[in-house]
Amino acid sequence: MSNIKDPILEERESLSSEGYQYTFIHIPQRVTTIVAAYIQLIWSIKNFRKSVSSKEIIQNSQAMFKENIEEISDSLWKEHCAASLRELVDGHLEADFSYALKCLPSRTNKDGKVEEIYTNLRMYKDVLNELAHLNTGSALKCIVKIDDYQSVTSINDQIFDKLCTEYIFLLHQLFKDNCMKGG
């Protein structure tokens, strides 16, 4: 009997309190592992003193999404999650990354792709930073500067999930395309 699963409960497994199915908690482990490993390497080379590892930051952030699903989280879960995720690119993003990882091309590379990724990462971090400081109005002003978010009028669970997921995938793309053999 224990093998029988309740389809209604299974359906709620990844739903937010707003009824939206999260994607952030389903980011493939290979993606989060690559991001965490390269971020941790940057922190080590730059001698950043962090109280938690980059892997723990990502895992804790995913746990905050899961807690919101279970509706046991506090009302500021998004702000806490934003504060954690922004830590991944603390300091001077481009300078720290290129200093620590010589495989990363400069912002002004020939095709502009890296420049676009750095610009987007900075914009995503700005949104996360404003949310972490409880500046929802400023966060909204920041998020509408990002191409896919120009019509956003509030940062609900769905928008926040999309933003966080894209943030991790942007980091992954930067490292995968430039630091890994075979890109």
N, C-alpha and C. Protein backbone atom coordinates (compact mmCIF):
# COMPACT_ATOMS: atom_id res chain seq x y z
N MET A 1 0.81 -1.21 0.00
CA MET A 1 0.00 0.00 0.00
C MET A 1 0.84 1.27 0.00
N SER A 2 2.05 1.21 0.53
CA SER A 2 2.86 2.42 0.62
C SER A 2 3.35 2.91 -0.74
N ASN A 3 3.23 2.09 -1.78
CA ASN A 3 3.63 2.50 -3.12
C ASN A 3 2.58 3.35 -3.82
N ILE A 4 1.39 3.40 -3.28
CA ILE A 4 0.32 4.19 -3.87
C ILE A 4 0.52 5.65 -3.51
N LYS A 5 0.47 6.50 -4.52
CA LYS A 5 0.68 7.92 -4.29
C LYS A 5 -0.61 8.68 -4.55
N ASP A 6 -0.82 9.67 -3.75
CA ASP A 6 -2.00 10.52 -3.90
C ASP A 6 -1.73 11.54 -5.01
N PRO A 7 -2.47 11.48 -6.12
CA PRO A 7 -2.22 12.40 -7.24
C PRO A 7 -2.44 13.87 -6.87
N ILE A 8 -3.32 14.15 -5.95
CA ILE A 8 -3.55 15.53 -5.54
C ILE A 8 -2.35 16.06 -4.77
N LEU A 9 -1.80 15.24 -3.87
CA LEU A 9 -0.62 15.67 -3.13
C LEU A 9 0.59 15.78 -4.04
N GLU A 10 0.73 14.87 -4.98
CA GLU A 10 1.85 14.93 -5.92
C GLU A 10 1.78 16.21 -6.75
N GLU A 11 0.59 16.61 -7.13
CA GLU A 11 0.41 17.81 -7.92
C GLU A 11 0.88 19.05 -7.17
N ARG A 12 0.69 19.07 -5.85
CA ARG A 12 1.07 20.22 -5.03
C ARG A 12 2.56 20.25 -4.72
N GLU A 13 3.28 19.21 -5.09
CA GLU A 13 4.67 19.08 -4.70
C GLU A 13 5.53 20.29 -5.02
N SER A 14 5.34 20.93 -6.14
CA SER A 14 6.17 22.06 -6.53
C SER A 14 5.37 23.35 -6.68
N LEU A 15 4.22 23.43 -6.05
CA LEU A 15 3.39 24.62 -6.20
C LEU A 15 3.68 25.63 -5.10
N SER A 16 3.71 26.88 -5.50
CA SER A 16 3.88 27.96 -4.53
C SER A 16 2.57 28.20 -3.80
N SER A 17 2.63 29.06 -2.81
CA SER A 17 1.41 29.42 -2.09
C SER A 17 0.44 30.17 -3.01
N GLU A 18 0.96 30.68 -4.14
CA GLU A 18 0.11 31.36 -5.13
C GLU A 18 -0.38 30.39 -6.21
N GLY A 19 -0.03 29.10 -6.09
CA GLY A 19 -0.48 28.11 -7.05
C GLY A 19 0.40 27.97 -8.28
N TYR A 20 1.58 28.55 -8.25
CA TYR A 20 2.52 28.50 -9.38
C TYR A 20 3.51 27.36 -9.16
N GLN A 21 3.82 26.62 -10.21
CA GLN A 21 4.80 25.54 -10.10
C GLN A 21 6.21 26.11 -10.25
N TYR A 22 7.01 25.94 -9.22
CA TYR A 22 8.37 26.48 -9.21
C TYR A 22 9.30 25.73 -10.16
N THR A 23 10.22 26.49 -10.75
CA THR A 23 11.28 25.88 -11.55
C THR A 23 12.62 25.93 -10.81
N PHE A 24 12.79 26.86 -9.90
CA PHE A 24 14.07 27.04 -9.21
C PHE A 24 14.49 25.78 -8.45
N ILE A 25 13.53 25.12 -7.83
CA ILE A 25 13.89 23.93 -7.05
C ILE A 25 14.18 22.73 -7.95
N HIS A 26 13.89 22.86 -9.23
CA HIS A 26 14.13 21.77 -10.17
C HIS A 26 15.31 22.03 -11.11
N ILE A 27 16.13 23.02 -10.78
CA ILE A 27 17.33 23.24 -11.59
C ILE A 27 18.18 21.98 -11.48
N PRO A 28 18.64 21.45 -12.60
CA PRO A 28 19.43 20.21 -12.54
C PRO A 28 20.66 20.36 -11.64
N GLN A 29 20.96 19.30 -10.93
CA GLN A 29 22.09 19.32 -10.00
C GLN A 29 23.40 19.60 -10.73
N ARG A 30 23.54 19.14 -11.96
CA ARG A 30 24.78 19.39 -12.70
C ARG A 30 24.99 20.89 -12.90
N VAL A 31 23.90 21.63 -13.06
CA VAL A 31 23.98 23.08 -13.23
C VAL A 31 24.40 23.74 -11.92
N THR A 32 23.73 23.39 -10.83
CA THR A 32 24.06 24.02 -9.55
C THR A 32 25.46 23.62 -9.08
N THR A 33 25.89 22.42 -9.41
CA THR A 33 27.23 21.97 -9.02
C THR A 33 28.30 22.79 -9.74
N ILE A 34 28.11 23.03 -11.02
CA ILE A 34 29.07 23.83 -11.80
C ILE A 34 29.12 25.26 -11.27
N VAL A 35 27.96 25.85 -11.05
CA VAL A 35 27.91 27.22 -10.54
C VAL A 35 28.58 27.30 -9.18
N ALA A 36 28.21 26.41 -8.29
CA ALA A 36 28.77 26.42 -6.93
C ALA A 36 30.29 26.22 -6.95
N ALA A 37 30.77 25.32 -7.79
CA ALA A 37 32.21 25.04 -7.84
C ALA A 37 33.01 26.25 -8.32
N TYR A 38 32.56 26.88 -9.38
CA TYR A 38 33.29 28.04 -9.91
C TYR A 38 33.19 29.25 -8.98
N ILE A 39 32.03 29.46 -8.39
CA ILE A 39 31.88 30.57 -7.44
C ILE A 39 32.80 30.33 -6.24
N GLN A 40 32.82 29.11 -5.74
CA GLN A 40 33.68 28.79 -4.59
C GLN A 40 35.15 29.01 -4.94
N LEU A 41 35.54 28.65 -6.15
CA LEU A 41 36.91 28.86 -6.61
C LEU A 41 37.24 30.36 -6.65
N ILE A 42 36.33 31.15 -7.16
CA ILE A 42 36.54 32.60 -7.20
C ILE A 42 36.71 33.14 -5.79
N TRP A 43 35.84 32.71 -4.89
CA TRP A 43 35.94 33.18 -3.50
C TRP A 43 37.27 32.80 -2.88
N SER A 44 37.72 31.59 -3.15
CA SER A 44 38.99 31.12 -2.57
C SER A 44 40.16 31.93 -3.12
N ILE A 45 40.20 32.12 -4.42
CA ILE A 45 41.30 32.87 -5.04
C ILE A 45 41.29 34.33 -4.58
N LYS A 46 40.12 34.92 -4.48
CA LYS A 46 40.00 36.32 -4.05
C LYS A 46 40.06 36.47 -2.53
N ASN A 47 40.15 35.34 -1.83
CA ASN A 47 40.25 35.33 -0.38
C ASN A 47 39.02 35.95 0.30
N PHE A 48 37.85 35.71 -0.30
CA PHE A 48 36.61 36.18 0.32
C PHE A 48 36.29 35.27 1.50
N ARG A 49 35.94 35.86 2.59
CA ARG A 49 35.59 35.11 3.79
C ARG A 49 34.06 35.00 3.86
N LYS A 50 33.57 33.83 3.62
CA LYS A 50 32.13 33.58 3.65
C LYS A 50 31.82 32.59 4.76
N SER A 51 30.69 32.77 5.40
CA SER A 51 30.32 31.86 6.49
C SER A 51 29.65 30.58 5.97
N VAL A 52 29.16 30.62 4.73
CA VAL A 52 28.58 29.43 4.11
C VAL A 52 29.15 29.28 2.70
N SER A 53 29.18 28.07 2.22
CA SER A 53 29.71 27.82 0.88
C SER A 53 28.69 28.22 -0.19
N SER A 54 29.18 28.36 -1.40
CA SER A 54 28.28 28.69 -2.51
C SER A 54 27.26 27.57 -2.73
N LYS A 55 27.67 26.35 -2.53
CA LYS A 55 26.75 25.21 -2.66
C LYS A 55 25.63 25.32 -1.62
N GLU A 56 26.00 25.67 -0.39
CA GLU A 56 25.00 25.82 0.67
C GLU A 56 24.04 26.97 0.38
N ILE A 57 24.55 28.04 -0.21
CA ILE A 57 23.69 29.18 -0.55
C ILE A 57 22.61 28.73 -1.54
N ILE A 58 23.02 28.01 -2.56
CA ILE A 58 22.05 27.54 -3.56
C ILE A 58 21.07 26.56 -2.92
N GLN A 59 21.59 25.62 -2.14
CA GLN A 59 20.71 24.64 -1.49
C GLN A 59 19.75 25.31 -0.51
N ASN A 60 20.25 26.27 0.26
CA ASN A 60 19.39 26.98 1.21
C ASN A 60 18.31 27.78 0.49
N SER A 61 18.69 28.36 -0.64
CA SER A 61 17.71 29.13 -1.43
C SER A 61 16.63 28.20 -1.97
N GLN A 62 17.05 27.03 -2.46
CA GLN A 62 16.06 26.07 -2.94
C GLN A 62 15.16 25.61 -1.79
N ALA A 63 15.73 25.47 -0.60
CA ALA A 63 14.94 25.08 0.57
C ALA A 63 13.90 26.14 0.91
N MET A 64 14.25 27.42 0.73
CA MET A 64 13.29 28.49 1.00
C MET A 64 12.10 28.41 0.05
N PHE A 65 12.36 28.06 -1.20
CA PHE A 65 11.26 27.86 -2.15
C PHE A 65 10.39 26.69 -1.69
N LYS A 66 11.03 25.61 -1.28
CA LYS A 66 10.27 24.43 -0.83
C LYS A 66 9.44 24.75 0.40
N GLU A 67 9.99 25.54 1.31
CA GLU A 67 9.24 25.91 2.51
C GLU A 67 8.03 26.76 2.15
N ASN A 68 8.16 27.60 1.14
CA ASN A 68 7.02 28.39 0.71
C ASN A 68 5.93 27.48 0.14
N ILE A 69 6.33 26.41 -0.50
CA ILE A 69 5.37 25.43 -1.01
C ILE A 69 4.55 24.88 0.14
N GLU A 70 5.24 24.56 1.21
CA GLU A 70 4.57 23.96 2.36
C GLU A 70 3.85 24.99 3.21
N GLU A 71 3.95 26.25 2.82
CA GLU A 71 3.28 27.35 3.49
C GLU A 71 3.66 27.48 4.96
N ILE A 72 4.92 27.15 5.27
CA ILE A 72 5.39 27.31 6.64
C ILE A 72 6.45 28.40 6.74
N SER A 73 6.71 29.04 5.63
CA SER A 73 7.76 30.05 5.62
C SER A 73 7.25 31.36 6.20
N ASP A 74 8.21 32.21 6.51
CA ASP A 74 7.81 33.52 6.99
C ASP A 74 7.43 34.41 5.81
N SER A 75 6.85 35.52 6.09
CA SER A 75 6.36 36.40 5.03
C SER A 75 7.49 37.05 4.23
N LEU A 76 8.70 37.00 4.73
CA LEU A 76 9.83 37.62 4.04
C LEU A 76 10.74 36.58 3.38
N TRP A 77 10.19 35.44 3.01
CA TRP A 77 11.03 34.38 2.45
C TRP A 77 11.74 34.82 1.17
N LYS A 78 11.05 35.59 0.32
CA LYS A 78 11.69 36.03 -0.93
C LYS A 78 12.86 36.97 -0.63
N GLU A 79 12.69 37.83 0.34
CA GLU A 79 13.75 38.76 0.71
C GLU A 79 14.96 38.02 1.27
N HIS A 80 14.70 37.00 2.09
CA HIS A 80 15.80 36.19 2.64
C HIS A 80 16.50 35.42 1.53
N CYS A 81 15.73 34.88 0.63
CA CYS A 81 16.29 34.14 -0.50
C CYS A 81 17.12 35.07 -1.38
N ALA A 82 16.60 36.25 -1.65
CA ALA A 82 17.33 37.23 -2.47
C ALA A 82 18.65 37.61 -1.82
N ALA A 83 18.63 37.78 -0.50
CA ALA A 83 19.86 38.14 0.22
C ALA A 83 20.90 37.03 0.09
N SER A 84 20.45 35.80 0.12
CA SER A 84 21.38 34.67 -0.02
C SER A 84 21.95 34.61 -1.44
N LEU A 85 21.08 34.66 -2.43
CA LEU A 85 21.53 34.50 -3.81
C LEU A 85 22.44 35.63 -4.29
N ARG A 86 22.21 36.83 -3.81
CA ARG A 86 23.07 37.94 -4.25
C ARG A 86 24.51 37.74 -3.79
N GLU A 87 24.69 36.96 -2.72
CA GLU A 87 26.03 36.68 -2.20
C GLU A 87 26.91 35.98 -3.22
N LEU A 88 26.29 35.27 -4.15
CA LEU A 88 27.08 34.53 -5.14
C LEU A 88 27.97 35.44 -5.98
N VAL A 89 27.53 36.66 -6.21
CA VAL A 89 28.33 37.59 -7.03
C VAL A 89 28.66 38.85 -6.24
N ASP A 90 29.06 38.66 -5.00
CA ASP A 90 29.49 39.79 -4.18
C ASP A 90 30.72 40.46 -4.77
N GLY A 91 30.96 41.66 -4.32
CA GLY A 91 32.15 42.37 -4.77
C GLY A 91 31.96 42.93 -6.17
N HIS A 92 33.05 43.09 -6.86
CA HIS A 92 33.02 43.63 -8.22
C HIS A 92 32.97 42.46 -9.18
N LEU A 93 31.79 42.17 -9.64
CA LEU A 93 31.49 40.98 -10.44
C LEU A 93 32.53 40.68 -11.51
N GLU A 94 32.66 41.54 -12.46
CA GLU A 94 33.53 41.26 -13.60
C GLU A 94 35.00 41.20 -13.20
N ALA A 95 35.44 42.13 -12.39
CA ALA A 95 36.86 42.15 -11.98
C ALA A 95 37.20 40.91 -11.16
N ASP A 96 36.35 40.56 -10.23
CA ASP A 96 36.61 39.38 -9.40
C ASP A 96 36.60 38.11 -10.22
N PHE A 97 35.63 37.99 -11.10
CA PHE A 97 35.52 36.78 -11.92
C PHE A 97 36.72 36.63 -12.85
N SER A 98 37.07 37.69 -13.56
CA SER A 98 38.16 37.58 -14.54
C SER A 98 39.53 37.50 -13.86
N TYR A 99 39.68 38.06 -12.67
CA TYR A 99 40.92 37.93 -11.92
C TYR A 99 41.13 36.47 -11.51
N ALA A 100 40.08 35.86 -11.02
CA ALA A 100 40.18 34.49 -10.50
C ALA A 100 40.14 33.44 -11.61
N LEU A 101 39.42 33.71 -12.66
CA LEU A 101 39.28 32.73 -13.74
C LEU A 101 39.76 33.34 -15.04
N LYS A 102 40.98 33.06 -15.37
CA LYS A 102 41.58 33.62 -16.60
C LYS A 102 40.89 33.11 -17.86
N CYS A 103 40.11 32.06 -17.72
CA CYS A 103 39.38 31.52 -18.88
C CYS A 103 38.22 32.43 -19.30
N LEU A 104 37.81 33.33 -18.42
CA LEU A 104 36.69 34.21 -18.76
C LEU A 104 37.19 35.38 -19.61
N PRO A 105 36.59 35.57 -20.76
CA PRO A 105 37.00 36.70 -21.60
C PRO A 105 36.55 38.02 -20.97
N SER A 106 37.15 39.08 -21.44
CA SER A 106 36.77 40.39 -20.92
C SER A 106 35.37 40.74 -21.40
N ARG A 107 34.82 41.74 -20.77
CA ARG A 107 33.48 42.22 -21.10
C ARG A 107 33.39 42.61 -22.58
N THR A 108 34.45 43.09 -23.11
CA THR A 108 34.44 43.60 -24.49
C THR A 108 34.96 42.56 -25.48
N ASN A 109 34.57 41.32 -25.29
CA ASN A 109 34.99 40.29 -26.24
C ASN A 109 34.35 40.54 -27.60
N LYS A 110 34.82 39.83 -28.58
CA LYS A 110 34.44 40.14 -29.96
C LYS A 110 32.96 39.98 -30.30
N ASP A 111 32.26 39.05 -29.66
CA ASP A 111 30.86 38.85 -30.05
C ASP A 111 29.85 39.49 -29.11
N GLY A 112 30.30 40.06 -28.01
CA GLY A 112 29.39 40.76 -27.10
C GLY A 112 28.59 39.85 -26.18
N LYS A 113 28.72 38.54 -26.34
CA LYS A 113 27.94 37.61 -25.54
C LYS A 113 28.30 37.69 -24.05
N VAL A 114 29.58 37.75 -23.76
CA VAL A 114 30.01 37.84 -22.36
C VAL A 114 29.58 39.17 -21.76
N GLU A 115 29.69 40.23 -22.52
CA GLU A 115 29.24 41.54 -22.04
C GLU A 115 27.76 41.48 -21.67
N GLU A 116 26.98 40.83 -22.50
CA GLU A 116 25.54 40.70 -22.23
C GLU A 116 25.29 39.90 -20.95
N ILE A 117 26.05 38.83 -20.76
CA ILE A 117 25.88 38.01 -19.55
C ILE A 117 26.26 38.82 -18.31
N TYR A 118 27.40 39.52 -18.35
CA TYR A 118 27.80 40.35 -17.21
C TYR A 118 26.77 41.43 -16.92
N THR A 119 26.27 42.07 -17.95
CA THR A 119 25.26 43.12 -17.78
C THR A 119 24.00 42.54 -17.15
N ASN A 120 23.56 41.39 -17.65
CA ASN A 120 22.36 40.76 -17.10
C ASN A 120 22.58 40.32 -15.65
N LEU A 121 23.74 39.73 -15.37
CA LEU A 121 24.03 39.32 -14.00
C LEU A 121 23.98 40.52 -13.05
N ARG A 122 24.53 41.63 -13.49
CA ARG A 122 24.51 42.85 -12.67
C ARG A 122 23.07 43.31 -12.43
N MET A 123 22.25 43.27 -13.47
CA MET A 123 20.85 43.70 -13.32
C MET A 123 20.09 42.75 -12.39
N TYR A 124 20.31 41.46 -12.54
CA TYR A 124 19.65 40.48 -11.67
C TYR A 124 20.09 40.70 -10.22
N LYS A 125 21.39 40.91 -10.03
CA LYS A 125 21.89 41.14 -8.68
C LYS A 125 21.30 42.42 -8.09
N ASP A 126 21.14 43.45 -8.90
CA ASP A 126 20.53 44.69 -8.42
C ASP A 126 19.11 44.44 -7.89
N VAL A 127 18.35 43.64 -8.62
CA VAL A 127 16.98 43.31 -8.17
C VAL A 127 17.05 42.55 -6.84
N LEU A 128 17.91 41.53 -6.78
CA LEU A 128 18.04 40.74 -5.56
C LEU A 128 18.48 41.62 -4.39
N ASN A 129 19.39 42.53 -4.64
CA ASN A 129 19.88 43.42 -3.60
C ASN A 129 18.76 44.31 -3.07
N GLU A 130 17.97 44.87 -3.96
CA GLU A 130 16.87 45.73 -3.53
C GLU A 130 15.82 44.94 -2.74
N LEU A 131 15.53 43.73 -3.20
CA LEU A 131 14.58 42.89 -2.45
C LEU A 131 15.13 42.56 -1.07
N ALA A 132 16.42 42.25 -1.00
CA ALA A 132 17.04 41.90 0.28
C ALA A 132 16.96 43.06 1.27
N HIS A 133 16.96 44.27 0.75
CA HIS A 133 16.88 45.46 1.60
C HIS A 133 15.44 45.97 1.76
N LEU A 134 14.49 45.12 1.36
CA LEU A 134 13.06 45.41 1.49
C LEU A 134 12.62 46.64 0.69
N ASN A 135 13.34 46.92 -0.39
CA ASN A 135 13.00 48.04 -1.27
C ASN A 135 12.25 47.51 -2.49
N THR A 136 11.01 47.13 -2.30
CA THR A 136 10.26 46.52 -3.40
C THR A 136 10.04 47.49 -4.56
N GLY A 137 9.85 48.76 -4.25
CA GLY A 137 9.69 49.75 -5.32
C GLY A 137 10.94 49.87 -6.17
N SER A 138 12.08 49.92 -5.52
CA SER A 138 13.36 49.98 -6.24
C SER A 138 13.62 48.69 -6.99
N ALA A 139 13.26 47.56 -6.38
CA ALA A 139 13.44 46.27 -7.05
C ALA A 139 12.62 46.22 -8.34
N LEU A 140 11.42 46.75 -8.27
CA LEU A 140 10.55 46.79 -9.45
C LEU A 140 11.15 47.68 -10.54
N LYS A 141 11.73 48.81 -10.13
CA LYS A 141 12.39 49.70 -11.10
C LYS A 141 13.58 48.99 -11.75
N CYS A 142 14.27 48.17 -10.98
CA CYS A 142 15.42 47.43 -11.51
C CYS A 142 14.98 46.30 -12.44
N ILE A 143 13.95 45.59 -12.06
CA ILE A 143 13.56 44.40 -12.84
C ILE A 143 13.02 44.78 -14.22
N VAL A 144 12.36 45.91 -14.33
CA VAL A 144 11.80 46.28 -15.64
C VAL A 144 12.89 46.68 -16.64
N LYS A 145 14.12 46.84 -16.17
CA LYS A 145 15.25 47.11 -17.07
C LYS A 145 15.71 45.85 -17.78
N ILE A 146 15.31 44.69 -17.26
CA ILE A 146 15.67 43.41 -17.87
C ILE A 146 14.66 43.11 -18.97
N ASP A 147 15.15 42.75 -20.14
CA ASP A 147 14.30 42.59 -21.32
C ASP A 147 12.99 41.83 -21.09
N ASP A 148 13.05 40.65 -20.52
CA ASP A 148 11.84 39.83 -20.37
C ASP A 148 10.90 40.31 -19.26
N TYR A 149 11.26 41.35 -18.56
CA TYR A 149 10.48 41.79 -17.40
C TYR A 149 9.92 43.21 -17.54
N GLN A 150 9.95 43.76 -18.72
CA GLN A 150 9.57 45.15 -18.91
C GLN A 150 8.11 45.45 -18.56
N SER A 151 7.25 44.45 -18.62
CA SER A 151 5.84 44.69 -18.32
C SER A 151 5.45 44.25 -16.90
N VAL A 152 6.43 43.88 -16.09
CA VAL A 152 6.16 43.42 -14.72
C VAL A 152 5.67 44.58 -13.86
N THR A 153 4.61 44.33 -13.10
CA THR A 153 4.08 45.36 -12.21
C THR A 153 4.24 45.00 -10.73
N SER A 154 4.58 43.74 -10.47
CA SER A 154 4.89 43.31 -9.10
C SER A 154 5.76 42.06 -9.16
N ILE A 155 6.50 41.84 -8.10
CA ILE A 155 7.38 40.68 -8.06
C ILE A 155 6.71 39.61 -7.19
N ASN A 156 5.85 38.84 -7.86
CA ASN A 156 5.14 37.76 -7.17
C ASN A 156 6.01 36.49 -7.18
N ASP A 157 5.47 35.39 -6.68
CA ASP A 157 6.23 34.14 -6.61
C ASP A 157 6.74 33.71 -7.98
N GLN A 158 5.89 33.81 -8.98
CA GLN A 158 6.24 33.36 -10.32
C GLN A 158 7.39 34.18 -10.91
N ILE A 159 7.31 35.48 -10.77
CA ILE A 159 8.37 36.36 -11.29
C ILE A 159 9.66 36.12 -10.52
N PHE A 160 9.56 35.99 -9.21
CA PHE A 160 10.75 35.77 -8.39
C PHE A 160 11.41 34.43 -8.74
N ASP A 161 10.61 33.41 -8.92
CA ASP A 161 11.12 32.09 -9.30
C ASP A 161 11.86 32.17 -10.64
N LYS A 162 11.25 32.82 -11.59
CA LYS A 162 11.85 32.96 -12.93
C LYS A 162 13.17 33.72 -12.83
N LEU A 163 13.18 34.80 -12.08
CA LEU A 163 14.37 35.62 -11.92
C LEU A 163 15.52 34.80 -11.30
N CYS A 164 15.23 34.09 -10.23
CA CYS A 164 16.25 33.30 -9.54
C CYS A 164 16.77 32.17 -10.42
N THR A 165 15.87 31.52 -11.13
CA THR A 165 16.26 30.43 -12.02
C THR A 165 17.16 30.95 -13.14
N GLU A 166 16.77 32.04 -13.75
CA GLU A 166 17.58 32.62 -14.83
C GLU A 166 18.94 33.08 -14.33
N TYR A 167 18.98 33.60 -13.14
CA TYR A 167 20.24 34.06 -12.51
C TYR A 167 21.24 32.90 -12.41
N ILE A 168 20.78 31.76 -11.93
CA ILE A 168 21.65 30.58 -11.82
C ILE A 168 22.06 30.10 -13.20
N PHE A 169 21.13 30.07 -14.14
CA PHE A 169 21.46 29.62 -15.49
C PHE A 169 22.41 30.58 -16.21
N LEU A 170 22.32 31.88 -15.92
CA LEU A 170 23.28 32.83 -16.49
C LEU A 170 24.69 32.54 -15.99
N LEU A 171 24.81 32.32 -14.69
CA LEU A 171 26.12 31.96 -14.13
C LEU A 171 26.63 30.67 -14.76
N HIS A 172 25.75 29.71 -14.89
CA HIS A 172 26.13 28.43 -15.49
C HIS A 172 26.61 28.64 -16.93
N GLN A 173 25.89 29.43 -17.68
CA GLN A 173 26.27 29.68 -19.07
C GLN A 173 27.65 30.34 -19.15
N LEU A 174 27.89 31.31 -18.29
CA LEU A 174 29.18 32.00 -18.28
C LEU A 174 30.32 31.01 -18.04
N PHE A 175 30.17 30.16 -17.04
CA PHE A 175 31.23 29.20 -16.70
C PHE A 175 31.34 28.08 -17.73
N LYS A 176 30.21 27.54 -18.13
CA LYS A 176 30.20 26.42 -19.06
C LYS A 176 30.79 26.82 -20.42
N ASP A 177 30.38 27.96 -20.92
CA ASP A 177 30.82 28.38 -22.25
C ASP A 177 32.27 28.84 -22.29
N ASN A 178 32.82 29.24 -21.15
CA ASN A 178 34.15 29.84 -21.16
C ASN A 178 35.21 29.09 -20.37
N CYS A 179 34.81 28.27 -19.44
CA CYS A 179 35.79 27.63 -18.56
C CYS A 179 35.85 26.11 -18.68
N MET A 180 34.90 25.54 -19.36
CA MET A 180 34.85 24.09 -19.44
C MET A 180 35.22 23.63 -20.84
N LYS A 181 36.06 22.63 -20.90
CA LYS A 181 36.49 22.10 -22.19
C LYS A 181 35.26 21.59 -22.95
N GLY A 182 35.14 22.01 -24.16
CA GLY A 182 34.00 21.60 -24.98
C GLY A 182 32.78 22.47 -24.78
N GLY A 183 32.88 23.46 -23.83
CA GLY A 183 31.81 24.42 -23.58
C GLY A 183 30.52 23.80 -23.53
